[in-house]
């Protein structure tokens, strides 16, 4: 999780404080370059500042080394921790300003050149990496030390001291301004790239919606029209063909009911493909509807036995069980005509088990009805979404058995876990 302060920052500005793979590329490049500049600058300033401070200002080498190392470390610390960089810079200055006060005339004081450059580098890092007030705080601290140092050390504030202070404040202020401008430029570049990514994603989504609408139109024109014709023909058969006995009329009634049910499900599918925002008002089928599905399938002449359960299960589990039985019965009728089918649904404390078994067909169909070859894959996807398992294999007598074990979860939605 992001820290509370980072959540208030734009994505690109958070990238200036993190270098993980999720950040924007301009910010990642800026971080790499900043670490490089700070590392090289720190090494150079330490290598030059230590001997200059020790020999030119006549200070003890050990004290000069401690002051230079502490002051130069401020820039590196400021890359990650602004408070540490600010504190190290001020502490290093408090060491170096007093020990260089007794330098020979002509040497810059209270800010030696190397110390001034290190101070400006730290101000630049704070302005680039963190909120503006960190750079402003260090700039203000430099101004206060420039004004208070001569009085505290009993050193005459002559023109050289004033010129040295003016150089520090003007140069460090310029570095702070450059850091802020670079920060804003990186943010603008990141926003442009983010807008381009969002635009590309929107174009891809629009193309996907157009393709889904095309599929929906094709599905409506090809399938829905044919199903509507079947419904009308089955419904009007008793009027168009007088003299039909009751059994035949009942057969046509079952055909009409099945086609109407298929049309209802087709409307829901078309609504999903077309991306309608309104949810369907008709209830989705569930576990209690399996018995009706079996009865309507028996009307085709298939021999089907059914053993169910009256237990209450979540809607997602019930819908999945219904679809498993629906697909299994369709496969049995298509690929094993004339076989007997057994549908069994049982449950225990944790799982709902759906088992559909068909015997070997009395006579193998030479050319079974074609399918999309996506039925079992769809079943596995549905059951897998609920963290269930599916097994499908032939039986010893040449039949086929499909078993789906679906966890029954009451407290949480498995699709969201």
Protein backbone atom coordinates (compact mmCIF):
# COMPACT_ATOMS: atom_id res chain seq x y z
CA UNK A 1 0.00 0.00 0.00
CA UNK A 2 1.10 3.57 -0.61
CA UNK A 3 1.85 5.77 2.30
CA UNK A 4 -0.79 8.43 3.10
CA UNK A 5 1.41 11.26 1.90
CA UNK A 6 2.14 9.54 -1.39
CA UNK A 7 -1.56 9.03 -2.15
CA UNK A 8 -1.96 12.80 -2.40
CA UNK A 9 0.76 13.09 -5.03
CA UNK A 10 0.27 12.54 -8.76
CA UNK A 11 1.50 9.27 -10.18
CA UNK A 12 4.49 10.88 -11.86
CA UNK A 13 5.56 12.74 -8.71
CA UNK A 14 5.37 9.52 -6.68
CA UNK A 15 7.73 8.09 -9.25
CA UNK A 16 10.35 10.61 -8.13
CA UNK A 17 10.41 8.87 -4.76
CA UNK A 18 10.11 5.26 -6.01
CA UNK A 19 11.83 3.37 -8.81
CA UNK A 20 9.62 0.32 -9.12
CA UNK A 21 8.33 -1.03 -12.44
CA UNK A 22 4.92 0.60 -12.05
CA UNK A 23 6.22 4.19 -12.19
CA UNK A 24 6.27 6.40 -15.28
CA UNK A 25 9.35 6.16 -17.52
CA UNK A 26 10.29 9.90 -17.44
CA UNK A 27 10.44 9.80 -13.65
CA UNK A 28 12.48 6.58 -13.67
CA UNK A 29 14.98 8.13 -16.02
CA UNK A 30 15.11 11.26 -13.87
CA UNK A 31 15.83 9.20 -10.75
CA UNK A 32 18.66 7.31 -12.48
CA UNK A 33 20.22 10.51 -13.74
CA UNK A 34 19.82 12.20 -10.36
CA UNK A 35 21.56 9.36 -8.53
CA UNK A 36 24.37 9.51 -11.09
CA UNK A 37 24.84 13.28 -10.79
CA UNK A 38 24.66 13.22 -6.99
CA UNK A 39 27.10 10.32 -6.70
CA UNK A 40 29.66 11.85 -9.05
CA UNK A 41 29.21 15.32 -7.56
CA UNK A 42 29.61 14.05 -4.00
CA UNK A 43 32.83 12.18 -4.79
CA UNK A 44 34.31 15.18 -6.62
CA UNK A 45 33.35 17.64 -3.87
CA UNK A 46 34.80 15.41 -1.15
CA UNK A 47 38.00 14.87 -3.13
CA UNK A 48 38.45 18.60 -3.73
CA UNK A 49 36.89 20.07 -0.59
CA UNK A 50 38.86 18.12 1.99
CA UNK A 51 42.40 19.14 0.90
CA UNK A 52 41.30 22.70 0.08
CA UNK A 53 39.69 23.14 3.49
CA UNK A 54 42.60 21.51 5.34
CA UNK A 55 45.46 23.33 3.54
CA UNK A 56 43.96 26.54 2.22
CA UNK A 57 42.09 27.44 5.41
CA UNK A 58 44.69 25.99 7.77
CA UNK A 59 42.31 23.64 9.58
CA UNK A 60 43.04 20.30 11.18
CA UNK A 61 42.70 17.53 8.54
CA UNK A 62 40.54 15.34 10.80
CA UNK A 63 38.05 18.08 11.58
CA UNK A 64 38.00 19.18 7.95
CA UNK A 65 37.35 15.59 6.83
CA UNK A 66 34.42 15.19 9.25
CA UNK A 67 32.86 18.49 8.22
CA UNK A 68 33.29 17.89 4.47
CA UNK A 69 31.98 14.30 4.62
CA UNK A 70 28.94 15.36 6.67
CA UNK A 71 28.16 18.32 4.44
CA UNK A 72 28.65 16.38 1.18
CA UNK A 73 26.53 13.47 2.41
CA UNK A 74 23.55 15.85 2.62
CA UNK A 75 22.94 15.69 -1.15
CA UNK A 76 22.85 11.89 -1.15
CA UNK A 77 20.61 11.75 1.90
CA UNK A 78 18.25 14.33 0.37
CA UNK A 79 17.53 12.00 -2.54
CA UNK A 80 15.65 9.69 -0.19
CA UNK A 81 15.04 11.53 3.08
CA UNK A 82 14.59 15.33 2.89
CA UNK A 83 14.81 15.83 6.64
CA UNK A 84 18.12 13.94 6.78
CA UNK A 85 19.58 15.93 3.89
CA UNK A 86 18.47 19.22 5.48
CA UNK A 87 19.91 18.29 8.87
CA UNK A 88 23.23 17.02 7.47
CA UNK A 89 23.67 20.17 5.39
CA UNK A 90 23.08 22.49 8.34
CA UNK A 91 25.24 20.37 10.68
CA UNK A 92 28.10 20.29 8.19
CA UNK A 93 27.89 24.06 7.69
CA UNK A 94 27.95 24.61 11.48
CA UNK A 95 31.25 22.68 11.57
CA UNK A 96 32.90 24.19 8.50
CA UNK A 97 32.00 27.86 9.01
CA UNK A 98 33.77 28.21 12.43
CA UNK A 99 36.92 26.25 11.45
CA UNK A 100 37.42 28.30 8.27
CA UNK A 101 36.92 31.67 9.98
CA UNK A 102 40.64 32.22 10.53
CA UNK A 103 41.66 31.79 6.91
CA UNK A 104 44.09 34.13 5.24
CA UNK A 105 42.60 37.21 3.53
CA UNK A 106 41.28 36.51 0.07
CA UNK A 107 39.78 33.11 0.87
CA UNK A 108 35.95 33.07 0.60
CA UNK A 109 34.15 33.05 3.93
CA UNK A 110 31.75 32.07 5.55
CA UNK A 111 31.07 29.82 2.54
CA UNK A 112 34.13 28.22 0.94
CA UNK A 113 33.65 27.45 -2.74
CA UNK A 114 33.33 23.68 -2.28
CA UNK A 115 30.91 24.14 0.61
CA UNK A 116 28.86 26.61 -1.44
CA UNK A 117 28.63 24.16 -4.36
CA UNK A 118 27.61 21.31 -2.04
CA UNK A 119 24.93 23.56 -0.50
CA UNK A 120 23.57 24.40 -3.96
CA UNK A 121 23.56 20.72 -4.99
CA UNK A 122 21.55 19.80 -1.89
CA UNK A 123 19.06 22.60 -2.56
CA UNK A 124 18.65 21.37 -6.13
CA UNK A 125 18.02 17.78 -4.99
CA UNK A 126 15.43 18.89 -2.42
CA UNK A 127 13.62 21.02 -5.01
CA UNK A 128 13.59 18.20 -7.57
CA UNK A 129 12.64 15.32 -5.32
CA UNK A 130 10.42 16.76 -2.62
CA UNK A 131 7.95 19.54 -1.84
CA UNK A 132 9.09 23.10 -2.37
CA UNK A 133 9.28 23.95 1.34
CA UNK A 134 12.26 21.64 1.89
CA UNK A 135 14.37 23.59 -0.61
CA UNK A 136 13.03 26.86 0.80
CA UNK A 137 13.97 25.75 4.32
CA UNK A 138 17.58 24.99 3.36
CA UNK A 139 17.84 28.25 1.40
CA UNK A 140 16.54 30.16 4.44
CA UNK A 141 18.98 28.29 6.71
CA UNK A 142 21.85 29.37 4.44
CA UNK A 143 20.67 32.98 4.62
CA UNK A 144 20.46 32.89 8.43
CA UNK A 145 23.95 31.36 8.75
CA UNK A 146 25.34 34.04 6.43
CA UNK A 147 23.87 36.80 8.58
CA UNK A 148 24.51 35.29 12.03
CA UNK A 149 27.93 33.69 11.49
CA UNK A 150 30.02 36.94 11.66
CA UNK A 151 28.32 38.02 14.87
CA UNK A 152 28.53 34.60 16.51
CA UNK A 153 32.22 34.10 15.65
CA UNK A 154 33.21 37.74 16.24
CA UNK A 155 34.27 38.16 12.64
CA UNK A 156 33.99 41.48 10.88
CA UNK A 157 31.17 41.48 8.29
CA UNK A 158 33.14 43.26 5.58
CA UNK A 159 32.34 43.56 1.89
CA UNK A 160 33.91 40.17 1.12
CA UNK A 161 31.62 38.47 3.63
CA UNK A 162 28.57 40.23 2.21
CA UNK A 163 29.58 39.36 -1.36
CA UNK A 164 30.08 35.72 -0.36
CA UNK A 165 26.60 35.65 1.20
CA UNK A 166 25.01 37.27 -1.85
CA UNK A 167 26.65 34.70 -4.13
CA UNK A 168 25.39 31.85 -1.95
CA UNK A 169 21.80 33.11 -1.83
CA UNK A 170 21.57 33.97 -5.52
CA UNK A 171 23.22 30.78 -6.81
CA UNK A 172 21.35 28.47 -4.41
CA UNK A 173 18.09 30.25 -5.27
CA UNK A 174 18.78 29.68 -8.96
CA UNK A 175 19.44 25.98 -8.28
CA UNK A 176 16.16 25.74 -6.36
CA UNK A 177 14.28 27.37 -9.24
CA UNK A 178 15.87 25.03 -11.78
CA UNK A 179 14.98 22.03 -9.62
CA UNK A 180 11.35 23.11 -9.41
CA UNK A 181 11.15 23.72 -13.17
CA UNK A 182 12.68 20.31 -13.94
CA UNK A 183 10.21 18.72 -11.53
CA UNK A 184 7.29 20.40 -13.31
CA UNK A 185 8.69 19.41 -16.70
CA UNK A 186 8.96 15.75 -15.66
CA UNK A 187 5.40 15.89 -14.34
CA UNK A 188 4.11 17.37 -17.60
CA UNK A 189 5.94 14.76 -19.70
CA UNK A 190 4.52 12.01 -17.51
CA UNK A 191 1.02 13.43 -17.85
CA UNK A 192 1.38 13.54 -21.63
CA UNK A 193 2.51 9.91 -21.74
CA UNK A 194 -0.29 8.90 -19.37
CA UNK A 195 -2.80 10.69 -21.59
CA UNK A 196 -1.41 8.85 -24.61
CA UNK A 197 -1.74 5.51 -22.82
CA UNK A 198 -5.30 6.30 -21.79
CA UNK A 199 -6.11 7.38 -25.33
CA UNK A 200 -4.70 4.13 -26.73
CA UNK A 201 -6.66 2.13 -24.16
CA UNK A 202 -9.83 4.03 -25.05
CA UNK A 203 -9.30 3.37 -28.76
CA UNK A 204 -8.78 -0.33 -28.04
CA UNK A 205 -11.92 -0.41 -25.90
CA UNK A 206 -13.93 1.34 -28.61
CA UNK A 207 -12.73 -1.18 -31.18
CA UNK A 208 -13.66 -4.01 -28.83
CA UNK A 209 -17.15 -2.57 -28.35
CA UNK A 210 -17.54 -2.19 -32.10
CA UNK A 211 -16.54 -5.82 -32.61
CA UNK A 212 -18.93 -6.95 -29.87
CA UNK A 213 -21.73 -4.97 -31.48
CA UNK A 214 -20.94 -6.58 -34.83
CA UNK A 215 -21.05 -10.03 -33.23
CA UNK A 216 -24.32 -9.13 -31.51
CA UNK A 217 -25.86 -8.06 -34.81
CA UNK A 218 -24.71 -11.25 -36.51
CA UNK A 219 -25.99 -13.34 -33.62
CA UNK A 220 -29.33 -11.56 -33.71
CA UNK A 221 -29.73 -11.85 -37.47
CA UNK A 222 -28.65 -15.49 -37.75
CA UNK A 223 -29.79 -17.18 -34.53
CA UNK A 224 -32.52 -15.04 -33.03
CA UNK A 225 -34.45 -14.86 -36.28
CA UNK A 226 -34.35 -18.63 -36.71
CA UNK A 227 -35.41 -19.23 -33.11
CA UNK A 228 -38.29 -16.79 -33.53
CA UNK A 229 -39.47 -18.69 -36.60
CA UNK A 230 -39.31 -21.98 -34.68
CA UNK A 231 -41.32 -20.47 -31.83
CA UNK A 232 -44.01 -19.16 -34.16
CA UNK A 233 -44.24 -22.41 -36.11
CA UNK A 234 -44.44 -24.55 -32.97
CA UNK A 235 -47.01 -22.27 -31.36
CA UNK A 236 -49.29 -22.11 -34.41
CA UNK A 237 -48.98 -25.78 -35.40
CA UNK A 238 -52.28 -26.75 -33.76
CA UNK A 239 -54.07 -24.10 -35.79
CA UNK A 240 -52.28 -24.69 -39.08
CA UNK A 241 -52.44 -28.49 -38.92
CA UNK A 242 -55.88 -29.56 -37.74
CA UNK A 243 -56.37 -33.07 -36.48
CA UNK A 244 -53.18 -33.33 -34.39
CA UNK A 245 -53.57 -35.60 -31.40
CA UNK A 246 -52.81 -34.45 -27.87
CA UNK A 247 -49.33 -36.00 -27.75
CA UNK A 248 -48.21 -34.18 -30.88
CA UNK A 249 -49.70 -30.90 -29.64
CA UNK A 250 -47.85 -31.34 -26.35
CA UNK A 251 -44.64 -31.95 -28.30
CA UNK A 252 -45.09 -28.70 -30.21
CA UNK A 253 -45.86 -26.88 -26.97
CA UNK A 254 -42.59 -28.13 -25.46
CA UNK A 255 -40.69 -27.01 -28.55
CA UNK A 256 -42.26 -23.56 -28.33
CA UNK A 257 -41.43 -23.29 -24.62
CA UNK A 258 -37.81 -24.33 -25.17
CA UNK A 259 -37.37 -21.88 -28.03
CA UNK A 260 -38.89 -19.04 -25.98
CA UNK A 261 -36.53 -19.81 -23.13
CA UNK A 262 -33.61 -19.82 -25.55
CA UNK A 263 -34.73 -16.47 -26.93
CA UNK A 264 -34.86 -15.02 -23.41
CA UNK A 265 -31.31 -16.11 -22.73
CA UNK A 266 -30.30 -14.81 -26.14
CA UNK A 267 -31.61 -11.35 -25.23
CA UNK A 268 -29.46 -11.32 -22.10
CA UNK A 269 -26.42 -12.36 -24.12
CA UNK A 270 -27.06 -9.66 -26.69
CA UNK A 271 -27.36 -7.10 -23.90
CA UNK A 272 -23.97 -8.14 -22.52
CA UNK A 273 -22.34 -8.02 -25.96
CA UNK A 274 -23.75 -4.58 -26.66
CA UNK A 275 -22.50 -3.28 -23.31
CA UNK A 276 -25.85 -2.13 -21.97
CA UNK A 277 -25.53 -0.44 -18.61
CA UNK A 278 -28.92 -1.63 -17.41
CA UNK A 279 -28.99 -5.03 -15.76
CA UNK A 280 -31.56 -7.58 -16.94
CA UNK A 281 -34.67 -7.63 -14.78
CA UNK A 282 -35.47 -11.31 -15.26
CA UNK A 283 -33.96 -13.64 -12.63
CA UNK A 284 -31.13 -15.88 -13.69
CA UNK A 285 -31.67 -19.64 -13.51
CA UNK A 286 -30.49 -21.43 -10.40
CA UNK A 287 -30.47 -24.79 -8.68
CA UNK A 288 -34.31 -25.05 -8.35
CA UNK A 289 -34.60 -24.64 -12.14
CA UNK A 290 -32.55 -27.77 -12.90
CA UNK A 291 -35.63 -30.00 -12.51
CA UNK A 292 -37.51 -27.96 -15.12
CA UNK A 293 -34.50 -28.13 -17.43
CA UNK A 294 -34.45 -31.93 -17.11
CA UNK A 295 -38.21 -32.15 -17.76
CA UNK A 296 -38.00 -30.01 -20.88
CA UNK A 297 -35.07 -32.08 -22.15
CA UNK A 298 -37.05 -35.30 -21.63
CA UNK A 299 -39.53 -33.97 -24.18
CA UNK A 300 -36.92 -34.70 -26.85
CA UNK A 301 -37.37 -38.40 -26.12
CA UNK A 302 -34.24 -38.88 -24.06
CA UNK A 303 -34.34 -41.14 -21.02
CA UNK A 304 -33.17 -38.98 -18.14
CA UNK A 305 -33.19 -39.67 -14.41
CA UNK A 306 -32.71 -36.87 -11.95
CA UNK A 307 -31.73 -36.80 -8.29
CA UNK A 308 -31.39 -33.35 -6.80
CA UNK A 309 -31.10 -31.49 -3.51
CA UNK A 310 -33.28 -28.91 -1.81
CA UNK A 311 -30.36 -27.13 -0.12
CA UNK A 312 -30.02 -23.40 -0.55
CA UNK A 313 -26.82 -22.30 -2.24
CA UNK A 314 -25.49 -18.88 -3.32
CA UNK A 315 -26.83 -17.54 -6.60
CA UNK A 316 -23.46 -17.86 -8.35
CA UNK A 317 -23.17 -21.51 -7.34
CA UNK A 318 -26.75 -22.27 -8.42
CA UNK A 319 -26.29 -20.59 -11.80
CA UNK A 320 -23.05 -22.47 -12.40
CA UNK A 321 -24.68 -25.81 -11.51
CA UNK A 322 -27.57 -25.06 -13.91
CA UNK A 323 -25.16 -24.24 -16.75
CA UNK A 324 -23.13 -27.40 -16.10
CA UNK A 325 -26.26 -29.58 -16.34
CA UNK A 326 -27.47 -27.67 -19.40
CA UNK A 327 -24.21 -28.13 -21.28
CA UNK A 328 -23.82 -31.77 -20.23
CA UNK A 329 -27.34 -32.63 -21.41
CA UNK A 330 -26.74 -30.87 -24.72
CA UNK A 331 -23.54 -32.83 -25.25
CA UNK A 332 -25.26 -36.12 -24.39
CA UNK A 333 -28.09 -35.49 -26.85
CA UNK A 334 -25.67 -34.37 -29.55
CA UNK A 335 -22.94 -36.97 -29.27
CA UNK A 336 -24.74 -39.95 -27.72
CA UNK A 337 -28.26 -40.09 -29.18
CA UNK A 338 -30.45 -42.78 -27.68
CA UNK A 339 -28.36 -43.15 -24.52
CA UNK A 340 -29.77 -42.95 -21.01
CA UNK A 341 -28.66 -39.99 -18.90
CA UNK A 342 -28.41 -39.73 -15.11
CA UNK A 343 -28.21 -36.30 -13.47
CA UNK A 344 -27.23 -36.24 -9.80
CA UNK A 345 -26.76 -33.16 -7.63
CA UNK A 346 -25.61 -33.66 -4.05
CA UNK A 347 -24.12 -31.41 -1.43
CA UNK A 348 -22.31 -31.55 1.86
CA UNK A 349 -21.09 -28.92 4.27
CA UNK A 350 -18.52 -27.52 1.88
CA UNK A 351 -19.19 -28.54 -1.74
CA UNK A 352 -21.96 -28.97 -4.27
CA UNK A 353 -21.31 -31.92 -6.59
CA UNK A 354 -22.94 -32.08 -10.02
CA UNK A 355 -22.59 -35.38 -11.88
CA UNK A 356 -24.03 -36.09 -15.33
CA UNK A 357 -23.48 -39.58 -16.75
CA UNK A 358 -24.71 -40.99 -20.04
CA UNK A 359 -24.49 -44.58 -21.13
CA UNK A 360 -22.96 -45.73 -24.36
CA UNK A 361 -25.25 -44.93 -27.30
CA UNK A 362 -27.03 -47.88 -28.83
CA UNK A 363 -25.82 -46.73 -32.22
CA UNK A 364 -23.01 -44.24 -32.73
CA UNK A 365 -24.07 -41.29 -34.87
CA UNK A 366 -22.04 -41.09 -38.05
CA UNK A 367 -22.22 -37.32 -38.17
CA UNK A 368 -23.06 -35.80 -34.79
CA UNK A 369 -24.60 -32.36 -34.63
CA UNK A 370 -21.84 -29.76 -34.92
CA UNK A 371 -20.90 -27.62 -31.94
CA UNK A 372 -18.54 -24.77 -31.16
CA UNK A 373 -16.19 -27.11 -29.22
CA UNK A 374 -16.22 -24.62 -26.36
CA UNK A 375 -18.72 -26.34 -24.04
CA UNK A 376 -16.31 -28.12 -21.70
CA UNK A 377 -13.93 -25.16 -21.77
CA UNK A 378 -16.79 -22.88 -20.75
CA UNK A 379 -17.79 -25.24 -17.93
CA UNK A 380 -14.22 -25.31 -16.63
CA UNK A 381 -14.04 -21.52 -16.74
CA UNK A 382 -17.32 -21.12 -14.86
CA UNK A 383 -16.46 -23.68 -12.20
CA UNK A 384 -12.87 -22.50 -11.96
CA UNK A 385 -14.06 -18.96 -11.28
CA UNK A 386 -15.71 -20.34 -8.13
CA UNK A 387 -12.53 -22.27 -7.22
CA UNK A 388 -14.12 -25.58 -8.16
CA UNK A 389 -12.89 -28.54 -10.18
CA UNK A 390 -14.22 -30.36 -13.26
CA UNK A 391 -13.45 -33.89 -14.41
CA UNK A 392 -14.70 -35.39 -17.66
CA UNK A 393 -13.87 -38.86 -18.90
CA UNK A 394 -15.33 -41.97 -20.51
CA UNK A 395 -16.86 -44.70 -18.36
CA UNK A 396 -16.08 -48.41 -18.40
CA UNK A 397 -19.22 -49.21 -20.41
CA UNK A 398 -18.32 -46.71 -23.16
CA UNK A 399 -20.39 -43.84 -21.84
CA UNK A 400 -19.28 -40.45 -20.59
CA UNK A 401 -19.30 -38.83 -17.15
CA UNK A 402 -18.93 -35.17 -16.25
CA UNK A 403 -18.40 -34.23 -12.60
CA UNK A 404 -18.18 -30.68 -11.26
CA UNK A 405 -17.36 -29.97 -7.61
CA UNK A 406 -18.28 -26.39 -6.68
CA UNK A 407 -17.34 -24.96 -3.26
CA UNK A 408 -20.30 -23.51 -1.38
CA UNK A 409 -19.15 -20.17 0.04
CA UNK A 410 -21.59 -18.17 2.11
CA UNK A 411 -19.50 -15.39 3.63
CA UNK A 412 -17.70 -14.00 0.62
CA UNK A 413 -17.94 -13.84 -3.12
CA UNK A 414 -15.40 -16.28 -4.54
CA UNK A 415 -15.16 -14.22 -7.69
CA UNK A 416 -13.64 -11.39 -5.69
CA UNK A 417 -11.10 -13.40 -3.70
